[in-house]
Amino acid sequence: MQNPKLIFIAGDRAGGGSEIESRTALGLSDLIGMFSQATREQPDATLDQAHQAQVELAVCGIKRKYSELMAIGTEMMTRAEELGTWRPREQRKPLAEVYTIAEISQTSTGRPL
């Protein structure tokens, strides 16, 4: 069996109390991966950590806020291919049917992004 994907708990990636399989909706033979499930205590620890982070972020300067947001954006760009293929795979759609943000914007607004 595959190693389970860790979950983000109170500022760290951690295993949970149990694991669950994630499979595509129409192709049950297609295993996306094993994912950790949080214990009863882990969400409380995460909420406590989030509250502490909010207090710290409220008093920090704009440069730190910018740096934190840029780090999130950089992580998402680094994982763009992985993140972009999960949803179509779960929906059993070929990647050729997946629209880019620019295509969706142009379709919905009638003008290019």
PDB file of N, CA and C in Angstrom:
ATOM      1  N   MET A   1       0.844  -1.179   0.000  1.00  0.00           N
ATOM      2  CA  MET A   1       0.000   0.000   0.000  1.00  0.00           C
ATOM      3  C   MET A   1       0.887   1.239   0.000  1.00  0.00           C
ATOM      4  N   GLN A   2       0.377   2.319  -0.566  1.00  0.00           N
ATOM      5  CA  GLN A   2       1.125   3.568  -0.660  1.00  0.00           C
ATOM      6  C   GLN A   2       1.266   4.218   0.712  1.00  0.00           C
ATOM      7  N   ASN A   3       2.290   5.077   0.836  1.00  0.00           N
ATOM      8  CA  ASN A   3       2.413   5.885   2.040  1.00  0.00           C
ATOM      9  C   ASN A   3       1.284   6.908   2.043  1.00  0.00           C
ATOM     10  N   PRO A   4       0.645   7.123   3.186  1.00  0.00           N
ATOM     11  CA  PRO A   4      -0.460   8.089   3.209  1.00  0.00           C
ATOM     12  C   PRO A   4       0.050   9.518   3.080  1.00  0.00           C
ATOM     13  N   LYS A   5      -0.765  10.360   2.461  1.00  0.00           N
ATOM     14  CA  LYS A   5      -0.464  11.785   2.389  1.00  0.00           C
ATOM     15  C   LYS A   5      -0.662  12.359   3.782  1.00  0.00           C
ATOM     16  N   LEU A   6       0.284  13.160   4.222  1.00  0.00           N
ATOM     17  CA  LEU A   6       0.192  13.762   5.549  1.00  0.00           C
ATOM     18  C   LEU A   6      -0.773  14.938   5.518  1.00  0.00           C
ATOM     19  N   ILE A   7      -1.273  15.299   6.679  1.00  0.00           N
ATOM     20  CA  ILE A   7      -2.167  16.444   6.796  1.00  0.00           C
ATOM     21  C   ILE A   7      -1.452  17.553   7.559  1.00  0.00           C
ATOM     22  N   PHE A   8      -1.902  18.779   7.358  1.00  0.00           N
ATOM     23  CA  PHE A   8      -1.276  19.938   7.982  1.00  0.00           C
ATOM     24  C   PHE A   8      -1.989  20.194   9.300  1.00  0.00           C
ATOM     25  N   ILE A   9      -1.309  19.935  10.410  1.00  0.00           N
ATOM     26  CA  ILE A   9      -1.885  20.067  11.748  1.00  0.00           C
ATOM     27  C   ILE A   9      -1.018  21.016  12.567  1.00  0.00           C
ATOM     28  N   ALA A  10      -1.613  22.106  13.029  1.00  0.00           N
ATOM     29  CA  ALA A  10      -0.950  23.055  13.926  1.00  0.00           C
ATOM     30  C   ALA A  10       0.439  23.471  13.434  1.00  0.00           C
ATOM     31  N   GLY A  11       0.528  23.745  12.136  1.00  0.00           N
ATOM     32  CA  GLY A  11       1.777  24.252  11.584  1.00  0.00           C
ATOM     33  C   GLY A  11       2.767  23.209  11.112  1.00  0.00           C
ATOM     34  N   ASP A  12       2.434  21.925  11.224  1.00  0.00           N
ATOM     35  CA  ASP A  12       3.338  20.858  10.790  1.00  0.00           C
ATOM     36  C   ASP A  12       2.571  19.807   9.995  1.00  0.00           C
ATOM     37  N   ARG A  13       3.269  19.141   9.109  1.00  0.00           N
ATOM     38  CA  ARG A  13       2.666  18.002   8.408  1.00  0.00           C
ATOM     39  C   ARG A  13       2.751  16.804   9.351  1.00  0.00           C
ATOM     40  N   ALA A  14       1.628  16.128   9.526  1.00  0.00           N
ATOM     41  CA  ALA A  14       1.582  15.024  10.484  1.00  0.00           C
ATOM     42  C   ALA A  14       0.654  13.930   9.975  1.00  0.00           C
ATOM     43  N   GLY A  15       0.839  12.751  10.511  1.00  0.00           N
ATOM     44  CA  GLY A  15      -0.084  11.667  10.249  1.00  0.00           C
ATOM     45  C   GLY A  15      -1.300  11.825  11.147  1.00  0.00           C
ATOM     46  N   GLY A  16      -2.373  11.230  10.771  1.00  0.00           N
ATOM     47  CA  GLY A  16      -3.588  11.308  11.581  1.00  0.00           C
ATOM     48  C   GLY A  16      -3.806  10.037  12.370  1.00  0.00           C
ATOM     49  N   GLY A  17      -5.011   9.881  12.871  1.00  0.00           N
ATOM     50  CA  GLY A  17      -5.349   8.707  13.650  1.00  0.00           C
ATOM     51  C   GLY A  17      -5.677   7.507  12.786  1.00  0.00           C
ATOM     52  N   SER A  18      -6.050   7.764  11.535  1.00  0.00           N
ATOM     53  CA  SER A  18      -6.388   6.677  10.618  1.00  0.00           C
ATOM     54  C   SER A  18      -6.085   7.128   9.195  1.00  0.00           C
ATOM     55  N   GLU A  19      -6.294   6.233   8.250  1.00  0.00           N
ATOM     56  CA  GLU A  19      -6.048   6.520   6.839  1.00  0.00           C
ATOM     57  C   GLU A  19      -7.282   6.136   6.038  1.00  0.00           C
ATOM     58  N   ILE A  20      -7.455   6.799   4.905  1.00  0.00           N
ATOM     59  CA  ILE A  20      -8.579   6.490   4.024  1.00  0.00           C
ATOM     60  C   ILE A  20      -8.089   6.521   2.578  1.00  0.00           C
ATOM     61  N   GLU A  21      -8.650   5.638   1.762  1.00  0.00           N
ATOM     62  CA  GLU A  21      -8.328   5.635   0.337  1.00  0.00           C
ATOM     63  C   GLU A  21      -9.143   6.714  -0.361  1.00  0.00           C
ATOM     64  N   SER A  22      -8.546   7.329  -1.367  1.00  0.00           N
ATOM     65  CA  SER A  22      -9.276   8.246  -2.234  1.00  0.00           C
ATOM     66  C   SER A  22      -9.226   7.670  -3.636  1.00  0.00           C
ATOM     67  N   ARG A  23     -10.405   7.411  -4.178  1.00  0.00           N
ATOM     68  CA  ARG A  23     -10.511   6.843  -5.522  1.00  0.00           C
ATOM     69  C   ARG A  23     -11.339   7.766  -6.396  1.00  0.00           C
ATOM     70  N   THR A  24     -11.183   7.641  -7.715  1.00  0.00           N
ATOM     71  CA  THR A  24     -11.975   8.467  -8.615  1.00  0.00           C
ATOM     72  C   THR A  24     -13.438   8.061  -8.512  1.00  0.00           C
ATOM     73  N   ALA A  25     -14.319   8.995  -8.831  1.00  0.00           N
ATOM     74  CA  ALA A  25     -15.757   8.773  -8.665  1.00  0.00           C
ATOM     75  C   ALA A  25     -16.299   7.649  -9.552  1.00  0.00           C
ATOM     76  N   LEU A  26     -15.830   7.563 -10.766  1.00  0.00           N
ATOM     77  CA  LEU A  26     -16.382   6.563 -11.684  1.00  0.00           C
ATOM     78  C   LEU A  26     -15.488   5.357 -11.900  1.00  0.00           C
ATOM     79  N   GLY A  27     -14.240   5.463 -11.529  1.00  0.00           N
ATOM     80  CA  GLY A  27     -13.310   4.360 -11.749  1.00  0.00           C
ATOM     81  C   GLY A  27     -12.733   3.885 -10.436  1.00  0.00           C
ATOM     82  N   LEU A  28     -13.467   3.070  -9.736  1.00  0.00           N
ATOM     83  CA  LEU A  28     -13.046   2.669  -8.402  1.00  0.00           C
ATOM     84  C   LEU A  28     -11.727   1.909  -8.385  1.00  0.00           C
ATOM     85  N   SER A  29     -11.283   1.439  -9.526  1.00  0.00           N
ATOM     86  CA  SER A  29      -9.991   0.763  -9.569  1.00  0.00           C
ATOM     87  C   SER A  29      -8.836   1.770  -9.608  1.00  0.00           C
ATOM     88  N   ASP A  30      -9.140   3.046  -9.835  1.00  0.00           N
ATOM     89  CA  ASP A  30      -8.111   4.086  -9.929  1.00  0.00           C
ATOM     90  C   ASP A  30      -7.901   4.725  -8.561  1.00  0.00           C
ATOM     91  N   LEU A  31      -6.861   4.277  -7.863  1.00  0.00           N
ATOM     92  CA  LEU A  31      -6.536   4.810  -6.539  1.00  0.00           C
ATOM     93  C   LEU A  31      -5.742   6.099  -6.685  1.00  0.00           C
ATOM     94  N   ILE A  32      -6.287   7.196  -6.181  1.00  0.00           N
ATOM     95  CA  ILE A  32      -5.579   8.479  -6.206  1.00  0.00           C
ATOM     96  C   ILE A  32      -4.497   8.489  -5.143  1.00  0.00           C
ATOM     97  N   GLY A  33      -4.820   7.976  -3.976  1.00  0.00           N
ATOM     98  CA  GLY A  33      -3.836   7.914  -2.909  1.00  0.00           C
ATOM     99  C   GLY A  33      -4.473   7.589  -1.577  1.00  0.00           C
ATOM    100  N   MET A  34      -3.610   7.405  -0.590  1.00  0.00           N
ATOM    101  CA  MET A  34      -4.046   7.189   0.787  1.00  0.00           C
ATOM    102  C   MET A  34      -3.857   8.509   1.522  1.00  0.00           C
ATOM    103  N   PHE A  35      -4.855   8.889   2.304  1.00  0.00           N
ATOM    104  CA  PHE A  35      -4.811  10.168   2.998  1.00  0.00           C
ATOM    105  C   PHE A  35      -5.058   9.965   4.480  1.00  0.00           C
ATOM    106  N   SER A  36      -4.266  10.647   5.297  1.00  0.00           N
ATOM    107  CA  SER A  36      -4.432  10.587   6.744  1.00  0.00           C
ATOM    108  C   SER A  36      -5.711  11.318   7.135  1.00  0.00           C
ATOM    109  N   GLN A  37      -6.366  10.811   8.161  1.00  0.00           N
ATOM    110  CA  GLN A  37      -7.562  11.439   8.718  1.00  0.00           C
ATOM    111  C   GLN A  37      -7.231  11.939  10.118  1.00  0.00           C
ATOM    112  N   ALA A  38      -7.652  13.145  10.421  1.00  0.00           N
ATOM    113  CA  ALA A  38      -7.331  13.761  11.708  1.00  0.00           C
ATOM    114  C   ALA A  38      -7.998  13.030  12.866  1.00  0.00           C
ATOM    115  N   THR A  39      -7.314  13.050  14.004  1.00  0.00           N
ATOM    116  CA  THR A  39      -7.918  12.550  15.236  1.00  0.00           C
ATOM    117  C   THR A  39      -8.868  13.616  15.777  1.00  0.00           C
ATOM    118  N   ARG A  40      -9.591  13.319  16.819  1.00  0.00           N
ATOM    119  CA  ARG A  40     -10.511  14.299  17.410  1.00  0.00           C
ATOM    120  C   ARG A  40      -9.774  15.521  17.959  1.00  0.00           C
ATOM    121  N   GLU A  41      -8.547  15.336  18.435  1.00  0.00           N
ATOM    122  CA  GLU A  41      -7.796  16.435  19.047  1.00  0.00           C
ATOM    123  C   GLU A  41      -7.108  17.326  18.018  1.00  0.00           C
ATOM    124  N   GLN A  42      -6.744  16.785  16.877  1.00  0.00           N
ATOM    125  CA  GLN A  42      -5.949  17.534  15.906  1.00  0.00           C
ATOM    126  C   GLN A  42      -6.650  18.790  15.368  1.00  0.00           C
ATOM    127  N   PRO A  43      -7.939  18.783  15.060  1.00  0.00           N
ATOM    128  CA  PRO A  43      -8.563  20.032  14.607  1.00  0.00           C
ATOM    129  C   PRO A  43      -8.505  21.141  15.661  1.00  0.00           C
ATOM    130  N   ASP A  44      -8.665  20.796  16.937  1.00  0.00           N
ATOM    131  CA  ASP A  44      -8.573  21.805  17.993  1.00  0.00           C
ATOM    132  C   ASP A  44      -7.177  22.419  18.045  1.00  0.00           C
ATOM    133  N   ALA A  45      -6.149  21.590  17.918  1.00  0.00           N
ATOM    134  CA  ALA A  45      -4.770  22.095  17.907  1.00  0.00           C
ATOM    135  C   ALA A  45      -4.547  23.001  16.705  1.00  0.00           C
ATOM    136  N   THR A  46      -5.129  22.644  15.574  1.00  0.00           N
ATOM    137  CA  THR A  46      -4.989  23.451  14.369  1.00  0.00           C
ATOM    138  C   THR A  46      -5.687  24.791  14.524  1.00  0.00           C
ATOM    139  N   LEU A  47      -6.880  24.790  15.086  1.00  0.00           N
ATOM    140  CA  LEU A  47      -7.601  26.048  15.306  1.00  0.00           C
ATOM    141  C   LEU A  47      -6.872  26.946  16.302  1.00  0.00           C
ATOM    142  N   ASP A  48      -6.299  26.357  17.349  1.00  0.00           N
ATOM    143  CA  ASP A  48      -5.512  27.139  18.310  1.00  0.00           C
ATOM    144  C   ASP A  48      -4.309  27.781  17.620  1.00  0.00           C
ATOM    145  N   GLN A  49      -3.628  27.016  16.777  1.00  0.00           N
ATOM    146  CA  GLN A  49      -2.463  27.531  16.037  1.00  0.00           C
ATOM    147  C   GLN A  49      -2.884  28.632  15.073  1.00  0.00           C
ATOM    148  N   ALA A  50      -4.014  28.460  14.395  1.00  0.00           N
ATOM    149  CA  ALA A  50      -4.503  29.474  13.458  1.00  0.00           C
ATOM    150  C   ALA A  50      -4.844  30.766  14.191  1.00  0.00           C
ATOM    151  N   HIS A  51      -5.441  30.650  15.369  1.00  0.00           N
ATOM    152  CA  HIS A  51      -5.765  31.844  16.158  1.00  0.00           C
ATOM    153  C   HIS A  51      -4.483  32.577  16.553  1.00  0.00           C
ATOM    154  N   GLN A  52      -3.483  31.841  16.992  1.00  0.00           N
ATOM    155  CA  GLN A  52      -2.200  32.451  17.361  1.00  0.00           C
ATOM    156  C   GLN A  52      -1.563  33.143  16.153  1.00  0.00           C
ATOM    157  N   ALA A  53      -1.624  32.490  14.999  1.00  0.00           N
ATOM    158  CA  ALA A  53      -1.051  33.073  13.786  1.00  0.00           C
ATOM    159  C   ALA A  53      -1.794  34.352  13.400  1.00  0.00           C
ATOM    160  N   GLN A  54      -3.116  34.371  13.565  1.00  0.00           N
ATOM    161  CA  GLN A  54      -3.891  35.568  13.242  1.00  0.00           C
ATOM    162  C   GLN A  54      -3.492  36.737  14.134  1.00  0.00           C
ATOM    163  N   VAL A  55      -3.294  36.460  15.415  1.00  0.00           N
ATOM    164  CA  VAL A  55      -2.869  37.512  16.352  1.00  0.00           C
ATOM    165  C   VAL A  55      -1.505  38.062  15.930  1.00  0.00           C
ATOM    166  N   GLU A  56      -0.586  37.176  15.573  1.00  0.00           N
ATOM    167  CA  GLU A  56       0.754  37.610  15.148  1.00  0.00           C
ATOM    168  C   GLU A  56       0.692  38.394  13.839  1.00  0.00           C
ATOM    169  N   LEU A  57      -0.128  37.926  12.901  1.00  0.00           N
ATOM    170  CA  LEU A  57      -0.223  38.570  11.597  1.00  0.00           C
ATOM    171  C   LEU A  57      -0.858  39.953  11.709  1.00  0.00           C
ATOM    172  N   ALA A  58      -1.761  40.128  12.650  1.00  0.00           N
ATOM    173  CA  ALA A  58      -2.441  41.416  12.819  1.00  0.00           C
ATOM    174  C   ALA A  58      -1.478  42.528  13.225  1.00  0.00           C
ATOM    175  N   VAL A  59      -0.393  42.193  13.892  1.00  0.00           N
ATOM    176  CA  VAL A  59       0.534  43.225  14.371  1.00  0.00           C
ATOM    177  C   VAL A  59       1.811  43.329  13.534  1.00  0.00           C
ATOM    178  N   CYS A  60       1.977  42.458  12.552  1.00  0.00           N
ATOM    179  CA  CYS A  60       3.208  42.511  11.748  1.00  0.00           C
ATOM    180  C   CYS A  60       3.038  43.498  10.597  1.00  0.00           C
ATOM    181  N   GLY A  61       4.147  43.844  10.012  1.00  0.00           N
ATOM    182  CA  GLY A  61       4.148  44.822   8.931  1.00  0.00           C
ATOM    183  C   GLY A  61       3.756  44.225   7.591  1.00  0.00           C
ATOM    184  N   ILE A  62       3.575  45.119   6.635  1.00  0.00           N
ATOM    185  CA  ILE A  62       3.137  44.728   5.302  1.00  0.00           C
ATOM    186  C   ILE A  62       4.167  43.840   4.601  1.00  0.00           C
ATOM    187  N   LYS A  63       5.461  44.054   4.860  1.00  0.00           N
ATOM    188  CA  LYS A  63       6.496  43.236   4.212  1.00  0.00           C
ATOM    189  C   LYS A  63       6.376  41.773   4.621  1.00  0.00           C
ATOM    190  N   ARG A  64       6.112  41.513   5.890  1.00  0.00           N
ATOM    191  CA  ARG A  64       5.966  40.118   6.329  1.00  0.00           C
ATOM    192  C   ARG A  64       4.713  39.492   5.727  1.00  0.00           C
ATOM    193  N   LYS A  65       3.625  40.256   5.698  1.00  0.00           N
ATOM    194  CA  LYS A  65       2.394  39.736   5.089  1.00  0.00           C
ATOM    195  C   LYS A  65       2.633  39.395   3.627  1.00  0.00           C
ATOM    196  N   TYR A  66       3.335  40.285   2.931  1.00  0.00           N
ATOM    197  CA  TYR A  66       3.678  40.041   1.529  1.00  0.00           C
ATOM    198  C   TYR A  66       4.506  38.765   1.387  1.00  0.00           C
ATOM    199  N   SER A  67       5.509  38.610   2.235  1.00  0.00           N
ATOM    200  CA  SER A  67       6.381  37.435   2.171  1.00  0.00           C
ATOM    201  C   SER A  67       5.605  36.145   2.411  1.00  0.00           C
ATOM    202  N   GLU A  68       4.697  36.172   3.380  1.00  0.00           N
ATOM    203  CA  GLU A  68       3.899  34.982   3.682  1.00  0.00           C
ATOM    204  C   GLU A  68       3.009  34.618   2.495  1.00  0.00           C
ATOM    205  N   LEU A  69       2.356  35.601   1.912  1.00  0.00           N
ATOM    206  CA  LEU A  69       1.485  35.340   0.770  1.00  0.00           C
ATOM    207  C   LEU A  69       2.277  34.886  -0.450  1.00  0.00           C
ATOM    208  N   MET A  70       3.458  35.453  -0.648  1.00  0.00           N
ATOM    209  CA  MET A  70       4.304  35.020  -1.762  1.00  0.00           C
ATOM    210  C   MET A  70       4.758  33.573  -1.579  1.00  0.00           C
ATOM    211  N   ALA A  71       5.047  33.177  -0.341  1.00  0.00           N
ATOM    212  CA  ALA A  71       5.439  31.794  -0.079  1.00  0.00           C
ATOM    213  C   ALA A  71       4.307  30.836  -0.430  1.00  0.00           C
ATOM    214  N   ILE A  72       3.080  31.219  -0.112  1.00  0.00           N
ATOM    215  CA  ILE A  72       1.927  30.379  -0.455  1.00  0.00           C
ATOM    216  C   ILE A  72       1.794  30.276  -1.974  1.00  0.00           C
ATOM    217  N   GLY A  73       1.900  31.419  -2.660  1.00  0.00           N
ATOM    218  CA  GLY A  73       1.799  31.427  -4.114  1.00  0.00           C
ATOM    219  C   GLY A  73       2.898  30.620  -4.776  1.00  0.00           C
ATOM    220  N   THR A  74       4.106  30.729  -4.267  1.00  0.00           N
ATOM    221  CA  THR A  74       5.231  29.973  -4.813  1.00  0.00           C
ATOM    222  C   THR A  74       5.012  28.472  -4.646  1.00  0.00           C
ATOM    223  N   GLU A  75       4.527  28.064  -3.482  1.00  0.00           N
ATOM    224  CA  GLU A  75       4.231  26.648  -3.247  1.00  0.00           C
ATOM    225  C   GLU A  75       3.170  26.153  -4.224  1.00  0.00           C
ATOM    226  N   MET A  76       2.143  26.944  -4.449  1.00  0.00           N
ATOM    227  CA  MET A  76       1.088  26.536  -5.381  1.00  0.00           C
ATOM    228  C   MET A  76       1.616  26.445  -6.812  1.00  0.00           C
ATOM    229  N   MET A  77       2.481  27.385  -7.206  1.00  0.00           N
ATOM    230  CA  MET A  77       3.055  27.327  -8.554  1.00  0.00           C
ATOM    231  C   MET A  77       3.963  26.113  -8.701  1.00  0.00           C
ATOM    232  N   THR A  78       4.721  25.801  -7.655  1.00  0.00           N
ATOM    233  CA  THR A  78       5.605  24.639  -7.686  1.00  0.00           C
ATOM    234  C   THR A  78       4.803  23.356  -7.868  1.00  0.00           C
ATOM    235  N   ARG A  79       3.622  23.307  -7.262  1.00  0.00           N
ATOM    236  CA  ARG A  79       2.784  22.105  -7.318  1.00  0.00           C
ATOM    237  C   ARG A  79       1.650  22.223  -8.330  1.00  0.00           C
ATOM    238  N   ALA A  80       1.737  23.175  -9.259  1.00  0.00           N
ATOM    239  CA  ALA A  80       0.642  23.442 -10.196  1.00  0.00           C
ATOM    240  C   ALA A  80       0.224  22.206 -10.980  1.00  0.00           C
ATOM    241  N   GLU A  81       1.176  21.454 -11.496  1.00  0.00           N
ATOM    242  CA  GLU A  81       0.819  20.282 -12.292  1.00  0.00           C
ATOM    243  C   GLU A  81       0.093  19.254 -11.431  1.00  0.00           C
ATOM    244  N   GLU A  82       0.622  18.998 -10.242  1.00  0.00           N
ATOM    245  CA  GLU A  82      -0.018  18.042  -9.334  1.00  0.00           C
ATOM    246  C   GLU A  82      -1.428  18.505  -8.963  1.00  0.00           C
ATOM    247  N   LEU A  83      -1.557  19.767  -8.569  1.00  0.00           N
ATOM    248  CA  LEU A  83      -2.859  20.292  -8.167  1.00  0.00           C
ATOM    249  C   LEU A  83      -3.832  20.338  -9.344  1.00  0.00           C
ATOM    250  N   GLY A  84      -3.319  20.655 -10.525  1.00  0.00           N
ATOM    251  CA  GLY A  84      -4.168  20.765 -11.702  1.00  0.00           C
ATOM    252  C   GLY A  84      -4.650  19.448 -12.256  1.00  0.00           C
ATOM    253  N   THR A  85      -4.018  18.351 -11.898  1.00  0.00           N
ATOM    254  CA  THR A  85      -4.453  17.055 -12.424  1.00  0.00           C
ATOM    255  C   THR A  85      -5.356  16.293 -11.459  1.00  0.00           C
ATOM    256  N   TRP A  86      -5.378  16.664 -10.192  1.00  0.00           N
ATOM    257  CA  TRP A  86      -6.224  15.941  -9.234  1.00  0.00           C
ATOM    258  C   TRP A  86      -7.697  16.034  -9.566  1.00  0.00           C
ATOM    259  N   ARG A  87      -8.194  17.246  -9.779  1.00  0.00           N
ATOM    260  CA  ARG A  87      -9.630  17.410  -9.994  1.00  0.00           C
ATOM    261  C   ARG A  87     -10.115  16.703 -11.256  1.00  0.00           C
ATOM    262  N   PRO A  88      -9.471  16.909 -12.407  1.00  0.00           N
ATOM    263  CA  PRO A  88      -9.952  16.179 -13.586  1.00  0.00           C
ATOM    264  C   PRO A  88      -9.871  14.669 -13.400  1.00  0.00           C
ATOM    265  N   ARG A  89      -8.862  14.215 -12.710  1.00  0.00           N
ATOM    266  CA  ARG A  89      -8.734  12.775 -12.477  1.00  0.00           C
ATOM    267  C   ARG A  89      -9.894  12.268 -11.628  1.00  0.00           C
ATOM    268  N   GLU A  90     -10.255  13.027 -10.600  1.00  0.00           N
ATOM    269  CA  GLU A  90     -11.383  12.639  -9.762  1.00  0.00           C
ATOM    270  C   GLU A  90     -12.687  12.669 -10.550  1.00  0.00           C
ATOM    271  N   GLN A  91     -12.792  13.565 -11.528  1.00  0.00           N
ATOM    272  CA  GLN A  91     -14.003  13.671 -12.335  1.00  0.00           C
ATOM    273  C   GLN A  91     -13.958  12.771 -13.573  1.00  0.00           C
ATOM    274  N   ARG A  92     -12.850  12.071 -13.744  1.00  0.00           N
ATOM    275  CA  ARG A  92     -12.648  11.197 -14.901  1.00  0.00           C
ATOM    276  C   ARG A  92     -12.719  11.977 -16.211  1.00  0.00           C
ATOM    277  N   LYS A  93     -12.165  13.183 -16.220  1.00  0.00           N
ATOM    278  CA  LYS A  93     -12.125  14.004 -17.419  1.00  0.00           C
ATOM    279  C   LYS A  93     -10.725  13.932 -18.011  1.00  0.00           C
ATOM    280  N   PRO A  94     -10.624  13.843 -19.327  1.00  0.00           N
ATOM    281  CA  PRO A  94      -9.292  13.929 -19.930  1.00  0.00           C
ATOM    282  C   PRO A  94      -8.737  15.335 -19.750  1.00  0.00           C
ATOM    283  N   LEU A  95      -7.439  15.429 -19.623  1.00  0.00           N
ATOM    284  CA  LEU A  95      -6.816  16.737 -19.414  1.00  0.00           C
ATOM    285  C   LEU A  95      -7.103  17.703 -20.552  1.00  0.00           C
ATOM    286  N   ALA A  96      -7.372  17.178 -21.746  1.00  0.00           N
ATOM    287  CA  ALA A  96      -7.684  18.050 -22.878  1.00  0.00           C
ATOM    288  C   ALA A  96      -8.963  18.841 -22.639  1.00  0.00           C
ATOM    289  N   GLU A  97      -9.852  18.377 -21.767  1.00  0.00           N
ATOM    290  CA  GLU A  97     -11.101  19.080 -21.484  1.00  0.00           C
ATOM    291  C   GLU A  97     -10.959  20.114 -20.374  1.00  0.00           C
ATOM    292  N   VAL A  98      -9.827  20.168 -19.734  1.00  0.00           N
ATOM    293  CA  VAL A  98      -9.624  21.094 -18.629  1.00  0.00           C
ATOM    294  C   VAL A  98      -9.275  22.463 -19.193  1.00  0.00           C
ATOM    295  N   TYR A  99     -10.010  23.455 -18.774  1.00  0.00           N
ATOM    296  CA  TYR A  99      -9.792  24.809 -19.259  1.00  0.00           C
ATOM    297  C   TYR A  99      -8.803  25.541 -18.373  1.00  0.00           C
ATOM    298  N   THR A 100      -8.077  26.448 -18.983  1.00  0.00           N
ATOM    299  CA  THR A 100      -7.174  27.292 -18.204  1.00  0.00           C
ATOM    300  C   THR A 100      -7.982  28.438 -17.597  1.00  0.00           C
ATOM    301  N   ILE A 101      -7.413  29.092 -16.601  1.00  0.00           N
ATOM    302  CA  ILE A 101      -8.078  30.235 -15.984  1.00  0.00           C
ATOM    303  C   ILE A 101      -8.360  31.302 -17.040  1.00  0.00           C
ATOM    304  N   ALA A 102      -7.428  31.508 -17.964  1.00  0.00           N
ATOM    305  CA  ALA A 102      -7.621  32.514 -19.006  1.00  0.00           C
ATOM    306  C   ALA A 102      -8.814  32.154 -19.896  1.00  0.00           C
ATOM    307  N   GLU A 103      -8.953  30.876 -20.246  1.00  0.00           N
ATOM    308  CA  GLU A 103     -10.076  30.462 -21.081  1.00  0.00           C
ATOM    309  C   GLU A 103     -11.402  30.634 -20.354  1.00  0.00           C
ATOM    310  N   ILE A 104     -11.445  30.294 -19.089  1.00  0.00           N
ATOM    311  CA  ILE A 104     -12.664  30.447 -18.304  1.00  0.00           C
ATOM    312  C   ILE A 104     -13.020  31.923 -18.182  1.00  0.00           C
ATOM    313  N   SER A 105     -12.024  32.764 -17.912  1.00  0.00           N
ATOM    314  CA  SER A 105     -12.263  34.201 -17.796  1.00  0.00           C
ATOM    315  C   SER A 105     -12.812  34.779 -19.083  1.00  0.00           C
ATOM    316  N   GLN A 106     -12.220  34.394 -20.206  1.00  0.00           N
ATOM    317  CA  GLN A 106     -12.656  34.918 -21.482  1.00  0.00           C
ATOM    318  C   GLN A 106     -14.075  34.452 -21.796  1.00  0.00           C
ATOM    319  N   THR A 107     -14.392  33.222 -21.470  1.00  0.00           N
ATOM    320  CA  THR A 107     -15.731  32.696 -21.722  1.00  0.00           C
ATOM    321  C   THR A 107     -16.767  33.406 -20.866  1.00  0.00           C
ATOM    322  N   SER A 108     -16.448  33.623 -19.585  1.00  0.00           N
ATOM    323  CA  SER A 108     -17.429  34.210 -18.680  1.00  0.00           C
ATOM    324  C   SER A 108     -17.578  35.714 -18.830  1.00  0.00           C
ATOM    325  N   THR A 109     -16.530  36.418 -19.257  1.00  0.00           N
ATOM    326  CA  THR A 109     -16.613  37.875 -19.347  1.00  0.00           C
ATOM    327  C   THR A 109     -16.672  38.380 -20.794  1.00  0.00           C
ATOM    328  N   GLY A 110     -16.314  37.528 -21.728  1.00  0.00           N
ATOM    329  CA  GLY A 110     -16.300  37.949 -23.118  1.00  0.00           C
ATOM    330  C   GLY A 110     -15.048  38.703 -23.515  1.00  0.00           C
ATOM    331  N   ARG A 111     -14.106  38.827 -22.587  1.00  0.00           N
ATOM    332  CA  ARG A 111     -12.847  39.515 -22.922  1.00  0.00           C
ATOM    333  C   ARG A 111     -11.668  38.735 -22.343  1.00  0.00           C
ATOM    334  N   PRO A 112     -10.504  38.830 -22.978  1.00  0.00           N
ATOM    335  CA  PRO A 112      -9.341  38.083 -22.494  1.00  0.00           C
ATOM    336  C   PRO A 112      -8.888  38.551 -21.122  1.00  0.00           C
ATOM    337  N   LEU A 113      -8.213  37.657 -20.412  1.00  0.00           N
ATOM    338  CA  LEU A 113      -7.681  37.964 -19.075  1.00  0.00           C
ATOM    339  C   LEU A 113      -6.559  38.954 -19.176  1.00  0.00           C
TER     340      LEU A 113
END
